[in-house]
Amino acid sequence: MNLPQLTPQDREDARNKALAARTLRSRAKQDLKTGRTSVTAILETAAAEPALDRLKVCDLLEALPGIGKVRATVIMSELGIAPTRRVRGLGVHQRRALLEYLGPEA
């Protein structure tokens, strides 16, 4: 498979788009960490925002206070969520189970 040849302007545009997406995901995780937003709000916003849609579920969980890598892995295992799953790939039942597991403040 041959990759298309990008012009320098196309590369710059792609670089800026990727930077904006990473910044948005970083801000969302920081807001979770400080309590300014909730998992429910992130999941609802992700439906309309492709950058948040690509956030890994393990990163989402690890951004919550008191949840580290090990606890996030355990939670995902208990709920039957694959370790590589992104927010976009969560099914209706997985979303509901995740929100129920995290409790009403999620």
C-alpha atoms as a PDB file:
ATOM      1  CA  MET A   1       0.000   0.000   0.000  1.00  0.00           C
ATOM      2  CA  ASN A   2       1.474   3.305  -1.074  1.00  0.00           C
ATOM      3  CA  LEU A   3       0.996   6.280   1.170  1.00  0.00           C
ATOM      4  CA  PRO A   4      -0.090   9.499  -0.490  1.00  0.00           C
ATOM      5  CA  GLN A   5       2.534  12.185  -0.894  1.00  0.00           C
ATOM      6  CA  LEU A   6       1.659  15.102   1.346  1.00  0.00           C
ATOM      7  CA  THR A   7       2.611  18.640   0.648  1.00  0.00           C
ATOM      8  CA  PRO A   8       4.381  20.565   3.401  1.00  0.00           C
ATOM      9  CA  GLN A   9       1.120  22.460   4.023  1.00  0.00           C
ATOM     10  CA  ASP A  10      -0.821  19.179   4.365  1.00  0.00           C
ATOM     11  CA  ARG A  11       1.749  17.923   6.872  1.00  0.00           C
ATOM     12  CA  GLU A  12       1.531  21.134   8.862  1.00  0.00           C
ATOM     13  CA  ASP A  13      -2.284  20.944   8.897  1.00  0.00           C
ATOM     14  CA  ALA A  14      -2.186  17.308  10.062  1.00  0.00           C
ATOM     15  CA  ARG A  15       0.378  18.177  12.749  1.00  0.00           C
ATOM     16  CA  ASN A  16      -1.792  21.025  14.042  1.00  0.00           C
ATOM     17  CA  LYS A  17      -4.905  18.844  14.044  1.00  0.00           C
ATOM     18  CA  ALA A  18      -3.080  16.114  16.010  1.00  0.00           C
ATOM     19  CA  LEU A  19      -1.742  18.655  18.485  1.00  0.00           C
ATOM     20  CA  ALA A  20      -5.229  20.080  19.050  1.00  0.00           C
ATOM     21  CA  ALA A  21      -6.624  16.567  19.632  1.00  0.00           C
ATOM     22  CA  ARG A  22      -3.886  15.691  22.151  1.00  0.00           C
ATOM     23  CA  THR A  23      -4.439  18.991  23.944  1.00  0.00           C
ATOM     24  CA  LEU A  24      -8.176  18.363  24.201  1.00  0.00           C
ATOM     25  CA  ARG A  25      -7.663  14.846  25.591  1.00  0.00           C
ATOM     26  CA  SER A  26      -5.074  16.142  28.055  1.00  0.00           C
ATOM     27  CA  ARG A  27      -7.412  18.895  29.230  1.00  0.00           C
ATOM     28  CA  ALA A  28     -10.255  16.395  29.686  1.00  0.00           C
ATOM     29  CA  LYS A  29      -8.035  14.132  31.801  1.00  0.00           C
ATOM     30  CA  GLN A  30      -6.847  17.084  33.870  1.00  0.00           C
ATOM     31  CA  ASP A  31     -10.473  18.164  34.427  1.00  0.00           C
ATOM     32  CA  LEU A  32     -11.307  14.640  35.629  1.00  0.00           C
ATOM     33  CA  LYS A  33      -8.322  14.664  37.956  1.00  0.00           C
ATOM     34  CA  THR A  34      -9.348  17.969  39.533  1.00  0.00           C
ATOM     35  CA  GLY A  35     -13.064  17.160  39.661  1.00  0.00           C
ATOM     36  CA  ARG A  36     -14.186  19.873  37.230  1.00  0.00           C
ATOM     37  CA  THR A  37     -15.882  17.275  35.036  1.00  0.00           C
ATOM     38  CA  SER A  38     -17.201  13.730  35.330  1.00  0.00           C
ATOM     39  CA  VAL A  39     -16.899  10.505  33.398  1.00  0.00           C
ATOM     40  CA  THR A  40     -20.538  10.893  32.373  1.00  0.00           C
ATOM     41  CA  ALA A  41     -19.814  14.318  30.885  1.00  0.00           C
ATOM     42  CA  ILE A  42     -16.752  13.015  29.036  1.00  0.00           C
ATOM     43  CA  LEU A  43     -18.725  10.103  27.574  1.00  0.00           C
ATOM     44  CA  GLU A  44     -21.517  12.425  26.448  1.00  0.00           C
ATOM     45  CA  THR A  45     -19.096  14.943  24.941  1.00  0.00           C
ATOM     46  CA  ALA A  46     -17.160  12.187  23.173  1.00  0.00           C
ATOM     47  CA  ALA A  47     -20.176  11.417  20.984  1.00  0.00           C
ATOM     48  CA  ALA A  48     -19.757  14.801  19.287  1.00  0.00           C
ATOM     49  CA  GLU A  49     -15.987  15.256  19.632  1.00  0.00           C
ATOM     50  CA  PRO A  50     -13.793  12.808  17.645  1.00  0.00           C
ATOM     51  CA  ALA A  51     -10.685  13.649  19.682  1.00  0.00           C
ATOM     52  CA  LEU A  52     -12.342  12.532  22.932  1.00  0.00           C
ATOM     53  CA  ASP A  53     -13.826   9.544  21.138  1.00  0.00           C
ATOM     54  CA  ARG A  54     -10.280   8.241  20.651  1.00  0.00           C
ATOM     55  CA  LEU A  55      -9.377   8.452  24.354  1.00  0.00           C
ATOM     56  CA  LYS A  56      -8.420   5.062  25.781  1.00  0.00           C
ATOM     57  CA  VAL A  57     -10.715   3.851  28.552  1.00  0.00           C
ATOM     58  CA  CYS A  58      -7.716   2.945  30.739  1.00  0.00           C
ATOM     59  CA  ASP A  59      -6.437   6.542  30.421  1.00  0.00           C
ATOM     60  CA  LEU A  60      -9.897   7.812  31.314  1.00  0.00           C
ATOM     61  CA  LEU A  61      -9.988   5.667  34.458  1.00  0.00           C
ATOM     62  CA  GLU A  62      -6.409   6.505  35.453  1.00  0.00           C
ATOM     63  CA  ALA A  63      -7.286  10.206  35.317  1.00  0.00           C
ATOM     64  CA  LEU A  64      -9.766   9.711  38.165  1.00  0.00           C
ATOM     65  CA  PRO A  65      -8.472  10.416  41.670  1.00  0.00           C
ATOM     66  CA  GLY A  66      -7.538   7.231  43.505  1.00  0.00           C
ATOM     67  CA  ILE A  67      -7.367   5.028  40.421  1.00  0.00           C
ATOM     68  CA  GLY A  68      -3.975   3.968  39.116  1.00  0.00           C
ATOM     69  CA  LYS A  69      -2.851   1.543  36.446  1.00  0.00           C
ATOM     70  CA  VAL A  70      -3.528  -1.594  38.497  1.00  0.00           C
ATOM     71  CA  ARG A  71      -6.983  -0.565  39.699  1.00  0.00           C
ATOM     72  CA  ALA A  72      -7.953   0.608  36.191  1.00  0.00           C
ATOM     73  CA  THR A  73      -6.890  -2.772  34.796  1.00  0.00           C
ATOM     74  CA  VAL A  74      -8.895  -4.607  37.465  1.00  0.00           C
ATOM     75  CA  ILE A  75     -11.999  -2.476  36.809  1.00  0.00           C
ATOM     76  CA  MET A  76     -11.789  -3.050  33.072  1.00  0.00           C
ATOM     77  CA  SER A  77     -11.273  -6.777  33.578  1.00  0.00           C
ATOM     78  CA  GLU A  78     -14.263  -7.053  35.929  1.00  0.00           C
ATOM     79  CA  LEU A  79     -16.469  -5.201  33.442  1.00  0.00           C
ATOM     80  CA  GLY A  80     -15.250  -7.176  30.441  1.00  0.00           C
ATOM     81  CA  ILE A  81     -13.646  -4.194  28.702  1.00  0.00           C
ATOM     82  CA  ALA A  82     -10.569  -4.942  26.606  1.00  0.00           C
ATOM     83  CA  PRO A  83      -7.366  -3.182  27.716  1.00  0.00           C
ATOM     84  CA  THR A  84      -6.984  -1.483  24.335  1.00  0.00           C
ATOM     85  CA  ARG A  85     -10.604  -0.280  24.125  1.00  0.00           C
ATOM     86  CA  ARG A  86     -11.226   3.358  23.339  1.00  0.00           C
ATOM     87  CA  VAL A  87     -14.265   5.387  24.404  1.00  0.00           C
ATOM     88  CA  ARG A  88     -15.659   5.115  20.856  1.00  0.00           C
ATOM     89  CA  GLY A  89     -15.634   1.310  21.107  1.00  0.00           C
ATOM     90  CA  LEU A  90     -17.626   1.037  24.322  1.00  0.00           C
ATOM     91  CA  GLY A  91     -20.996  -0.579  23.860  1.00  0.00           C
ATOM     92  CA  VAL A  92     -24.180   0.578  25.542  1.00  0.00           C
ATOM     93  CA  HIS A  93     -23.959  -2.108  28.218  1.00  0.00           C
ATOM     94  CA  GLN A  94     -20.260  -1.441  28.864  1.00  0.00           C
ATOM     95  CA  ARG A  95     -20.927   2.294  29.280  1.00  0.00           C
ATOM     96  CA  ARG A  96     -23.764   1.623  31.695  1.00  0.00           C
ATOM     97  CA  ALA A  97     -21.709  -0.927  33.656  1.00  0.00           C
ATOM     98  CA  LEU A  98     -18.777   1.488  33.877  1.00  0.00           C
ATOM     99  CA  LEU A  99     -20.941   4.337  35.162  1.00  0.00           C
ATOM    100  CA  GLU A 100     -22.683   2.060  37.662  1.00  0.00           C
ATOM    101  CA  TYR A 101     -19.326   0.739  38.895  1.00  0.00           C
ATOM    102  CA  LEU A 102     -17.942   4.236  39.404  1.00  0.00           C
ATOM    103  CA  GLY A 103     -21.031   5.370  41.282  1.00  0.00           C
ATOM    104  CA  PRO A 104     -23.292   8.410  41.149  1.00  0.00           C
ATOM    105  CA  GLU A 105     -20.462  10.949  41.239  1.00  0.00           C
ATOM    106  CA  ALA A 106     -19.060   9.547  37.976  1.00  0.00           C
END
